[in-house]
């Protein structure tokens, strides 16, 4: 459309889905997101700036220390960092409106449902469903034809991801057009295939782990994933080895360290 974009929904906080916020806001777009998206964006900027401050301090300190008194150099280095200012990007670069669960837009004659799925790809995922058009945008809660990335450091959860896919499968029908976060446009059958794949691999890896196999042995067992690898699932951002390793680590945390078997 050549018309101004009035509203934008961030499906989660990752940079490939929020990196254009500043440009959209500059053009007058109002951005919506889950509460955790705004929080994580702000935390990320603070962490980034803290590292920049530390780097600046060390550079100034190193330069001045060569010139003489160490204590004087440290004082000047601290002063130099303070002059840079404790800058955190303006709140105007973050979502202006956040919510904790669900919200609904009534716009252009369409009912648009935006709903939160808990602890899936991250802890701030939302899906956007255009009910009249029967179009669903899933953000990174769906990687079509690829092994998915689950951001454990941002509240993501393997079982939560499966639960989210199960919820969607109950919501949509065979005519629903699905926009994934990565991959081609999809249908319900594509989503179900990924859902079933995640359950199958979870069960297979659990069996291998409880049989006493090591992480390396399970990753090396290509029979576990061969039907999915043949379809190109391992060709994306997350390799087969990384995905199976993730499932193994999750399984190990679930069952704990196994006792050695007696012969």
C-alpha atoms as a PDB file:
ATOM      1  CA  UNK A   1       0.000   0.000   0.000  1.00  0.00           C
ATOM      2  CA  UNK A   2       1.116   3.578  -0.641  1.00  0.00           C
ATOM      3  CA  UNK A   3      -0.895   4.774   2.357  1.00  0.00           C
ATOM      4  CA  UNK A   4       0.785   5.636   5.677  1.00  0.00           C
ATOM      5  CA  UNK A   5       1.241   2.730   8.082  1.00  0.00           C
ATOM      6  CA  UNK A   6      -0.674   3.689  11.217  1.00  0.00           C
ATOM      7  CA  UNK A   7      -0.097   0.662  13.447  1.00  0.00           C
ATOM      8  CA  UNK A   8       2.655  -1.932  13.774  1.00  0.00           C
ATOM      9  CA  UNK A   9       2.769  -4.999  16.022  1.00  0.00           C
ATOM     10  CA  UNK A  10       6.161  -6.359  17.093  1.00  0.00           C
ATOM     11  CA  UNK A  11       5.767 -10.145  17.322  1.00  0.00           C
ATOM     12  CA  UNK A  12       8.771 -10.346  19.701  1.00  0.00           C
ATOM     13  CA  UNK A  13      11.929  -8.388  20.572  1.00  0.00           C
ATOM     14  CA  UNK A  14      14.619  -9.836  18.267  1.00  0.00           C
ATOM     15  CA  UNK A  15      16.378  -7.330  16.053  1.00  0.00           C
ATOM     16  CA  UNK A  16      15.270  -8.836  12.753  1.00  0.00           C
ATOM     17  CA  UNK A  17      11.686  -8.093  13.819  1.00  0.00           C
ATOM     18  CA  UNK A  18      12.185  -4.753  15.599  1.00  0.00           C
ATOM     19  CA  UNK A  19      15.160  -3.182  13.823  1.00  0.00           C
ATOM     20  CA  UNK A  20      12.906  -0.957  11.723  1.00  0.00           C
ATOM     21  CA  UNK A  21      10.998   0.488  14.681  1.00  0.00           C
ATOM     22  CA  UNK A  22      12.848   3.782  14.677  1.00  0.00           C
ATOM     23  CA  UNK A  23      12.065   4.381  10.996  1.00  0.00           C
ATOM     24  CA  UNK A  24       8.423   3.447  11.418  1.00  0.00           C
ATOM     25  CA  UNK A  25       8.019   5.739  14.426  1.00  0.00           C
ATOM     26  CA  UNK A  26       9.697   8.551  12.504  1.00  0.00           C
ATOM     27  CA  UNK A  27       6.906   8.195   9.934  1.00  0.00           C
ATOM     28  CA  UNK A  28       4.192   8.383  12.586  1.00  0.00           C
ATOM     29  CA  UNK A  29       3.472   4.694  13.118  1.00  0.00           C
ATOM     30  CA  UNK A  30       2.257   3.612  16.568  1.00  0.00           C
ATOM     31  CA  UNK A  31       3.930   0.390  17.695  1.00  0.00           C
ATOM     32  CA  UNK A  32       2.247  -2.249  19.853  1.00  0.00           C
ATOM     33  CA  UNK A  33       3.920  -5.208  21.572  1.00  0.00           C
ATOM     34  CA  UNK A  34       3.790  -7.497  24.566  1.00  0.00           C
ATOM     35  CA  UNK A  35       5.074  -6.047  27.853  1.00  0.00           C
ATOM     36  CA  UNK A  36       8.183  -8.250  27.733  1.00  0.00           C
ATOM     37  CA  UNK A  37       9.167  -6.962  24.297  1.00  0.00           C
ATOM     38  CA  UNK A  38       9.556  -3.387  25.491  1.00  0.00           C
ATOM     39  CA  UNK A  39      11.314  -4.568  28.656  1.00  0.00           C
ATOM     40  CA  UNK A  40      13.813  -6.726  26.783  1.00  0.00           C
ATOM     41  CA  UNK A  41      14.516  -4.046  24.183  1.00  0.00           C
ATOM     42  CA  UNK A  42      15.319  -1.566  26.943  1.00  0.00           C
ATOM     43  CA  UNK A  43      17.437  -4.083  28.860  1.00  0.00           C
ATOM     44  CA  UNK A  44      19.327  -4.916  25.696  1.00  0.00           C
ATOM     45  CA  UNK A  45      20.151  -1.268  25.033  1.00  0.00           C
ATOM     46  CA  UNK A  46      21.311  -0.758  28.627  1.00  0.00           C
ATOM     47  CA  UNK A  47      23.531  -3.822  28.418  1.00  0.00           C
ATOM     48  CA  UNK A  48      24.944  -2.659  25.091  1.00  0.00           C
ATOM     49  CA  UNK A  49      25.679   0.794  26.469  1.00  0.00           C
ATOM     50  CA  UNK A  50      27.305  -0.623  29.613  1.00  0.00           C
ATOM     51  CA  UNK A  51      29.726  -2.548  27.398  1.00  0.00           C
ATOM     52  CA  UNK A  52      30.403   0.572  25.332  1.00  0.00           C
ATOM     53  CA  UNK A  53      31.124   2.518  28.531  1.00  0.00           C
ATOM     54  CA  UNK A  54      33.541  -0.147  29.741  1.00  0.00           C
ATOM     55  CA  UNK A  55      35.341  -0.175  26.392  1.00  0.00           C
ATOM     56  CA  UNK A  56      35.568   3.625  26.349  1.00  0.00           C
ATOM     57  CA  UNK A  57      36.886   3.697  29.919  1.00  0.00           C
ATOM     58  CA  UNK A  58      39.583   1.121  29.187  1.00  0.00           C
ATOM     59  CA  UNK A  59      40.698   2.914  26.021  1.00  0.00           C
ATOM     60  CA  UNK A  60      40.983   6.265  27.780  1.00  0.00           C
ATOM     61  CA  UNK A  61      42.706   4.657  30.772  1.00  0.00           C
ATOM     62  CA  UNK A  62      45.218   2.856  28.564  1.00  0.00           C
ATOM     63  CA  UNK A  63      46.029   6.029  26.673  1.00  0.00           C
ATOM     64  CA  UNK A  64      46.427   8.205  29.755  1.00  0.00           C
ATOM     65  CA  UNK A  65      48.285   5.588  31.805  1.00  0.00           C
ATOM     66  CA  UNK A  66      51.089   5.705  29.267  1.00  0.00           C
ATOM     67  CA  UNK A  67      51.419   9.395  29.977  1.00  0.00           C
ATOM     68  CA  UNK A  68      52.084   9.067  33.722  1.00  0.00           C
ATOM     69  CA  UNK A  69      50.224   8.804  37.033  1.00  0.00           C
ATOM     70  CA  UNK A  70      47.820   5.840  37.160  1.00  0.00           C
ATOM     71  CA  UNK A  71      45.408   7.406  39.689  1.00  0.00           C
ATOM     72  CA  UNK A  72      45.238  10.588  37.658  1.00  0.00           C
ATOM     73  CA  UNK A  73      44.655   8.528  34.522  1.00  0.00           C
ATOM     74  CA  UNK A  74      41.762   6.650  36.149  1.00  0.00           C
ATOM     75  CA  UNK A  75      40.150   9.909  37.273  1.00  0.00           C
ATOM     76  CA  UNK A  76      40.418  11.367  33.780  1.00  0.00           C
ATOM     77  CA  UNK A  77      39.104   8.168  32.212  1.00  0.00           C
ATOM     78  CA  UNK A  78      36.015   8.259  34.445  1.00  0.00           C
ATOM     79  CA  UNK A  79      35.500  11.899  33.562  1.00  0.00           C
ATOM     80  CA  UNK A  80      35.774  11.075  29.874  1.00  0.00           C
ATOM     81  CA  UNK A  81      33.128   8.369  30.137  1.00  0.00           C
ATOM     82  CA  UNK A  82      30.806  10.700  32.064  1.00  0.00           C
ATOM     83  CA  UNK A  83      31.128  13.263  29.297  1.00  0.00           C
ATOM     84  CA  UNK A  84      29.817  10.699  26.850  1.00  0.00           C
ATOM     85  CA  UNK A  85      26.662  10.640  28.984  1.00  0.00           C
ATOM     86  CA  UNK A  86      24.711   7.691  30.258  1.00  0.00           C
ATOM     87  CA  UNK A  87      22.715   7.579  27.046  1.00  0.00           C
ATOM     88  CA  UNK A  88      19.821   5.178  26.693  1.00  0.00           C
ATOM     89  CA  UNK A  89      17.964   5.565  23.379  1.00  0.00           C
ATOM     90  CA  UNK A  90      14.769   7.566  23.611  1.00  0.00           C
ATOM     91  CA  UNK A  91      11.660   5.705  24.700  1.00  0.00           C
ATOM     92  CA  UNK A  92      10.253   6.815  21.348  1.00  0.00           C
ATOM     93  CA  UNK A  93      12.204   3.976  19.703  1.00  0.00           C
ATOM     94  CA  UNK A  94      10.300   1.375  21.731  1.00  0.00           C
ATOM     95  CA  UNK A  95       6.706   0.144  21.448  1.00  0.00           C
ATOM     96  CA  UNK A  96       4.420   2.913  22.684  1.00  0.00           C
ATOM     97  CA  UNK A  97       1.593   0.612  23.737  1.00  0.00           C
ATOM     98  CA  UNK A  98       2.125  -2.738  25.469  1.00  0.00           C
ATOM     99  CA  UNK A  99      -0.186  -5.403  26.830  1.00  0.00           C
ATOM    100  CA  UNK A 100       0.122  -8.505  28.986  1.00  0.00           C
ATOM    101  CA  UNK A 101      -2.215 -10.966  27.289  1.00  0.00           C
ATOM    102  CA  UNK A 102      -4.507 -10.255  24.328  1.00  0.00           C
ATOM    103  CA  UNK A 103      -5.925  -7.289  22.465  1.00  0.00           C
ATOM    104  CA  UNK A 104      -8.234  -6.730  19.505  1.00  0.00           C
ATOM    105  CA  UNK A 105      -8.155  -4.162  16.695  1.00  0.00           C
ATOM    106  CA  UNK A 106     -11.274  -3.257  14.736  1.00  0.00           C
ATOM    107  CA  UNK A 107      -9.804  -1.671  11.644  1.00  0.00           C
ATOM    108  CA  UNK A 108     -10.718  -1.386   7.960  1.00  0.00           C
ATOM    109  CA  UNK A 109     -13.816  -3.459   8.611  1.00  0.00           C
ATOM    110  CA  UNK A 110     -11.708  -6.298   9.982  1.00  0.00           C
ATOM    111  CA  UNK A 111     -11.449  -7.871  13.419  1.00  0.00           C
ATOM    112  CA  UNK A 112      -7.761  -8.409  14.188  1.00  0.00           C
ATOM    113  CA  UNK A 113      -6.892 -10.549  17.206  1.00  0.00           C
ATOM    114  CA  UNK A 114      -3.446 -10.142  18.769  1.00  0.00           C
ATOM    115  CA  UNK A 115      -2.747 -12.768  21.398  1.00  0.00           C
ATOM    116  CA  UNK A 116       0.177 -13.768  23.566  1.00  0.00           C
ATOM    117  CA  UNK A 117       1.541 -17.323  23.630  1.00  0.00           C
ATOM    118  CA  UNK A 118       3.525 -17.941  26.784  1.00  0.00           C
ATOM    119  CA  UNK A 119       7.155 -19.031  26.724  1.00  0.00           C
ATOM    120  CA  UNK A 120       7.453 -20.291  23.164  1.00  0.00           C
ATOM    121  CA  UNK A 121      10.151 -18.717  20.957  1.00  0.00           C
ATOM    122  CA  UNK A 122      10.633 -16.078  23.698  1.00  0.00           C
ATOM    123  CA  UNK A 123       8.539 -14.852  26.633  1.00  0.00           C
ATOM    124  CA  UNK A 124       7.094 -11.995  24.584  1.00  0.00           C
ATOM    125  CA  UNK A 125       5.643 -13.700  21.508  1.00  0.00           C
ATOM    126  CA  UNK A 126       2.354 -12.546  20.036  1.00  0.00           C
ATOM    127  CA  UNK A 127       0.419 -13.841  17.043  1.00  0.00           C
ATOM    128  CA  UNK A 128      -1.697 -11.613  14.804  1.00  0.00           C
ATOM    129  CA  UNK A 129      -4.875 -13.118  13.350  1.00  0.00           C
ATOM    130  CA  UNK A 130      -6.944 -11.313  10.720  1.00  0.00           C
ATOM    131  CA  UNK A 131     -10.172 -13.171  11.404  1.00  0.00           C
ATOM    132  CA  UNK A 132     -12.202 -12.067   8.385  1.00  0.00           C
ATOM    133  CA  UNK A 133      -9.371 -12.542   5.897  1.00  0.00           C
ATOM    134  CA  UNK A 134      -8.351 -15.758   7.702  1.00  0.00           C
ATOM    135  CA  UNK A 135      -4.680 -14.778   7.710  1.00  0.00           C
ATOM    136  CA  UNK A 136      -2.401 -15.505  10.667  1.00  0.00           C
ATOM    137  CA  UNK A 137       1.038 -13.982  11.266  1.00  0.00           C
ATOM    138  CA  UNK A 138       2.969 -16.169  13.698  1.00  0.00           C
ATOM    139  CA  UNK A 139       6.260 -14.337  14.053  1.00  0.00           C
ATOM    140  CA  UNK A 140       9.008 -16.744  15.084  1.00  0.00           C
ATOM    141  CA  UNK A 141       6.580 -19.150  16.704  1.00  0.00           C
ATOM    142  CA  UNK A 142       6.736 -20.829  13.312  1.00  0.00           C
ATOM    143  CA  UNK A 143       9.751 -21.538  11.091  1.00  0.00           C
ATOM    144  CA  UNK A 144       8.230 -23.143   8.019  1.00  0.00           C
ATOM    145  CA  UNK A 145      10.262 -26.105   6.773  1.00  0.00           C
ATOM    146  CA  UNK A 146      13.141 -25.377   9.146  1.00  0.00           C
ATOM    147  CA  UNK A 147      14.241 -26.350  12.633  1.00  0.00           C
ATOM    148  CA  UNK A 148      13.150 -23.596  14.934  1.00  0.00           C
ATOM    149  CA  UNK A 149      15.238 -21.323  17.119  1.00  0.00           C
ATOM    150  CA  UNK A 150      14.164 -21.248  20.758  1.00  0.00           C
ATOM    151  CA  UNK A 151      15.722 -18.383  22.699  1.00  0.00           C
ATOM    152  CA  UNK A 152      16.164 -19.968  26.124  1.00  0.00           C
ATOM    153  CA  UNK A 153      17.932 -16.850  27.403  1.00  0.00           C
ATOM    154  CA  UNK A 154      14.801 -14.812  26.670  1.00  0.00           C
ATOM    155  CA  UNK A 155      12.256 -17.101  28.275  1.00  0.00           C
ATOM    156  CA  UNK A 156      11.778 -19.443  25.322  1.00  0.00           C
ATOM    157  CA  UNK A 157      10.726 -23.017  26.060  1.00  0.00           C
ATOM    158  CA  UNK A 158      10.586 -26.135  23.880  1.00  0.00           C
ATOM    159  CA  UNK A 159       7.422 -27.529  25.455  1.00  0.00           C
ATOM    160  CA  UNK A 160       5.870 -24.066  25.448  1.00  0.00           C
ATOM    161  CA  UNK A 161       6.605 -23.817  21.724  1.00  0.00           C
ATOM    162  CA  UNK A 162       4.792 -27.099  21.079  1.00  0.00           C
ATOM    163  CA  UNK A 163       1.874 -25.917  23.203  1.00  0.00           C
ATOM    164  CA  UNK A 164       1.653 -22.702  21.173  1.00  0.00           C
ATOM    165  CA  UNK A 165       1.524 -24.657  17.918  1.00  0.00           C
ATOM    166  CA  UNK A 166      -1.186 -26.887  19.395  1.00  0.00           C
ATOM    167  CA  UNK A 167      -3.244 -23.830  20.317  1.00  0.00           C
ATOM    168  CA  UNK A 168      -2.958 -22.441  16.807  1.00  0.00           C
ATOM    169  CA  UNK A 169      -3.954 -25.750  15.223  1.00  0.00           C
ATOM    170  CA  UNK A 170      -7.191 -25.617  17.213  1.00  0.00           C
ATOM    171  CA  UNK A 171      -7.830 -22.031  16.111  1.00  0.00           C
ATOM    172  CA  UNK A 172      -7.282 -22.175  12.351  1.00  0.00           C
ATOM    173  CA  UNK A 173      -8.774 -24.195   9.499  1.00  0.00           C
ATOM    174  CA  UNK A 174      -7.575 -25.658   6.205  1.00  0.00           C
ATOM    175  CA  UNK A 175      -8.125 -22.348   4.412  1.00  0.00           C
ATOM    176  CA  UNK A 176      -6.026 -20.230   6.780  1.00  0.00           C
ATOM    177  CA  UNK A 177      -3.024 -18.522   5.207  1.00  0.00           C
ATOM    178  CA  UNK A 178      -0.083 -18.572   7.626  1.00  0.00           C
ATOM    179  CA  UNK A 179       2.775 -16.072   7.552  1.00  0.00           C
ATOM    180  CA  UNK A 180       5.749 -17.593   9.394  1.00  0.00           C
ATOM    181  CA  UNK A 181       8.588 -15.628  10.928  1.00  0.00           C
ATOM    182  CA  UNK A 182      10.926 -17.459   8.540  1.00  0.00           C
ATOM    183  CA  UNK A 183      10.185 -19.577   5.495  1.00  0.00           C
ATOM    184  CA  UNK A 184       7.529 -19.630   2.797  1.00  0.00           C
ATOM    185  CA  UNK A 185       3.851 -18.870   3.242  1.00  0.00           C
ATOM    186  CA  UNK A 186       2.173 -21.874   4.787  1.00  0.00           C
ATOM    187  CA  UNK A 187      -1.054 -23.753   5.381  1.00  0.00           C
ATOM    188  CA  UNK A 188      -2.363 -25.650   8.375  1.00  0.00           C
ATOM    189  CA  UNK A 189      -0.795 -28.880   7.083  1.00  0.00           C
ATOM    190  CA  UNK A 190       2.673 -27.266   7.131  1.00  0.00           C
ATOM    191  CA  UNK A 191       2.190 -26.103  10.693  1.00  0.00           C
ATOM    192  CA  UNK A 192       0.998 -29.530  11.794  1.00  0.00           C
ATOM    193  CA  UNK A 193       4.052 -31.126  10.212  1.00  0.00           C
ATOM    194  CA  UNK A 194       6.388 -28.901  12.245  1.00  0.00           C
ATOM    195  CA  UNK A 195       4.319 -29.514  15.378  1.00  0.00           C
ATOM    196  CA  UNK A 196       4.488 -33.288  14.917  1.00  0.00           C
ATOM    197  CA  UNK A 197       8.201 -33.112  14.075  1.00  0.00           C
ATOM    198  CA  UNK A 198       8.981 -31.357  17.363  1.00  0.00           C
ATOM    199  CA  UNK A 199       7.045 -33.939  19.361  1.00  0.00           C
ATOM    200  CA  UNK A 200       8.611 -36.874  17.490  1.00  0.00           C
ATOM    201  CA  UNK A 201      12.159 -35.606  17.997  1.00  0.00           C
ATOM    202  CA  UNK A 202      11.496 -34.805  21.634  1.00  0.00           C
ATOM    203  CA  UNK A 203      10.351 -38.391  22.231  1.00  0.00           C
ATOM    204  CA  UNK A 204      13.165 -39.926  20.172  1.00  0.00           C
ATOM    205  CA  UNK A 205      15.886 -37.962  21.937  1.00  0.00           C
ATOM    206  CA  UNK A 206      14.351 -38.748  25.334  1.00  0.00           C
ATOM    207  CA  UNK A 207      14.451 -42.460  24.492  1.00  0.00           C
ATOM    208  CA  UNK A 208      18.099 -42.204  23.455  1.00  0.00           C
ATOM    209  CA  UNK A 209      19.006 -40.257  26.593  1.00  0.00           C
ATOM    210  CA  UNK A 210      17.235 -42.691  28.921  1.00  0.00           C
ATOM    211  CA  UNK A 211      19.044 -45.507  27.100  1.00  0.00           C
ATOM    212  CA  UNK A 212      22.313 -44.006  28.286  1.00  0.00           C
ATOM    213  CA  UNK A 213      23.465 -42.323  25.068  1.00  0.00           C
ATOM    214  CA  UNK A 214      25.749 -39.307  25.351  1.00  0.00           C
ATOM    215  CA  UNK A 215      25.056 -35.951  23.744  1.00  0.00           C
ATOM    216  CA  UNK A 216      27.640 -36.643  21.055  1.00  0.00           C
ATOM    217  CA  UNK A 217      26.164 -40.060  20.288  1.00  0.00           C
ATOM    218  CA  UNK A 218      22.647 -38.717  19.945  1.00  0.00           C
ATOM    219  CA  UNK A 219      23.738 -35.863  17.675  1.00  0.00           C
ATOM    220  CA  UNK A 220      25.675 -38.332  15.529  1.00  0.00           C
ATOM    221  CA  UNK A 221      22.601 -40.554  15.065  1.00  0.00           C
ATOM    222  CA  UNK A 222      21.363 -39.217  11.737  1.00  0.00           C
ATOM    223  CA  UNK A 223      18.511 -41.732  11.640  1.00  0.00           C
ATOM    224  CA  UNK A 224      16.668 -39.597  14.190  1.00  0.00           C
ATOM    225  CA  UNK A 225      16.292 -36.694  11.779  1.00  0.00           C
ATOM    226  CA  UNK A 226      16.779 -38.160   8.301  1.00  0.00           C
ATOM    227  CA  UNK A 227      13.168 -37.712   7.147  1.00  0.00           C
ATOM    228  CA  UNK A 228      13.243 -34.047   8.153  1.00  0.00           C
ATOM    229  CA  UNK A 229      16.747 -33.385   6.870  1.00  0.00           C
ATOM    230  CA  UNK A 230      15.687 -34.801   3.498  1.00  0.00           C
ATOM    231  CA  UNK A 231      13.096 -32.014   3.359  1.00  0.00           C
ATOM    232  CA  UNK A 232      15.711 -29.353   4.118  1.00  0.00           C
ATOM    233  CA  UNK A 233      14.902 -28.726   7.772  1.00  0.00           C
ATOM    234  CA  UNK A 234      18.589 -28.598   8.672  1.00  0.00           C
ATOM    235  CA  UNK A 235      19.462 -26.069   5.962  1.00  0.00           C
ATOM    236  CA  UNK A 236      18.272 -23.022   7.863  1.00  0.00           C
ATOM    237  CA  UNK A 237      19.648 -20.859  10.630  1.00  0.00           C
ATOM    238  CA  UNK A 238      19.471 -23.771  13.085  1.00  0.00           C
ATOM    239  CA  UNK A 239      21.412 -26.822  11.937  1.00  0.00           C
ATOM    240  CA  UNK A 240      20.358 -30.380  12.664  1.00  0.00           C
ATOM    241  CA  UNK A 241      23.205 -30.771  15.142  1.00  0.00           C
ATOM    242  CA  UNK A 242      22.266 -27.621  17.015  1.00  0.00           C
ATOM    243  CA  UNK A 243      18.589 -28.551  17.195  1.00  0.00           C
ATOM    244  CA  UNK A 244      19.174 -32.105  18.394  1.00  0.00           C
ATOM    245  CA  UNK A 245      21.734 -30.814  20.887  1.00  0.00           C
ATOM    246  CA  UNK A 246      19.162 -28.372  22.227  1.00  0.00           C
ATOM    247  CA  UNK A 247      16.604 -31.145  22.695  1.00  0.00           C
ATOM    248  CA  UNK A 248      19.215 -33.311  24.423  1.00  0.00           C
ATOM    249  CA  UNK A 249      20.108 -30.527  26.852  1.00  0.00           C
ATOM    250  CA  UNK A 250      16.439 -29.925  27.649  1.00  0.00           C
ATOM    251  CA  UNK A 251      15.880 -33.655  28.146  1.00  0.00           C
ATOM    252  CA  UNK A 252      18.865 -33.888  30.471  1.00  0.00           C
ATOM    253  CA  UNK A 253      17.521 -31.056  32.603  1.00  0.00           C
ATOM    254  CA  UNK A 254      14.122 -32.734  32.701  1.00  0.00           C
ATOM    255  CA  UNK A 255      15.301 -36.177  33.803  1.00  0.00           C
ATOM    256  CA  UNK A 256      18.507 -35.252  35.600  1.00  0.00           C
ATOM    257  CA  UNK A 257      21.812 -37.070  35.532  1.00  0.00           C
ATOM    258  CA  UNK A 258      21.343 -40.782  34.976  1.00  0.00           C
ATOM    259  CA  UNK A 259      22.951 -43.318  37.272  1.00  0.00           C
ATOM    260  CA  UNK A 260      25.451 -45.652  35.585  1.00  0.00           C
ATOM    261  CA  UNK A 261      23.915 -48.965  34.614  1.00  0.00           C
ATOM    262  CA  UNK A 262      25.131 -52.112  36.348  1.00  0.00           C
ATOM    263  CA  UNK A 263      26.318 -54.909  34.111  1.00  0.00           C
END
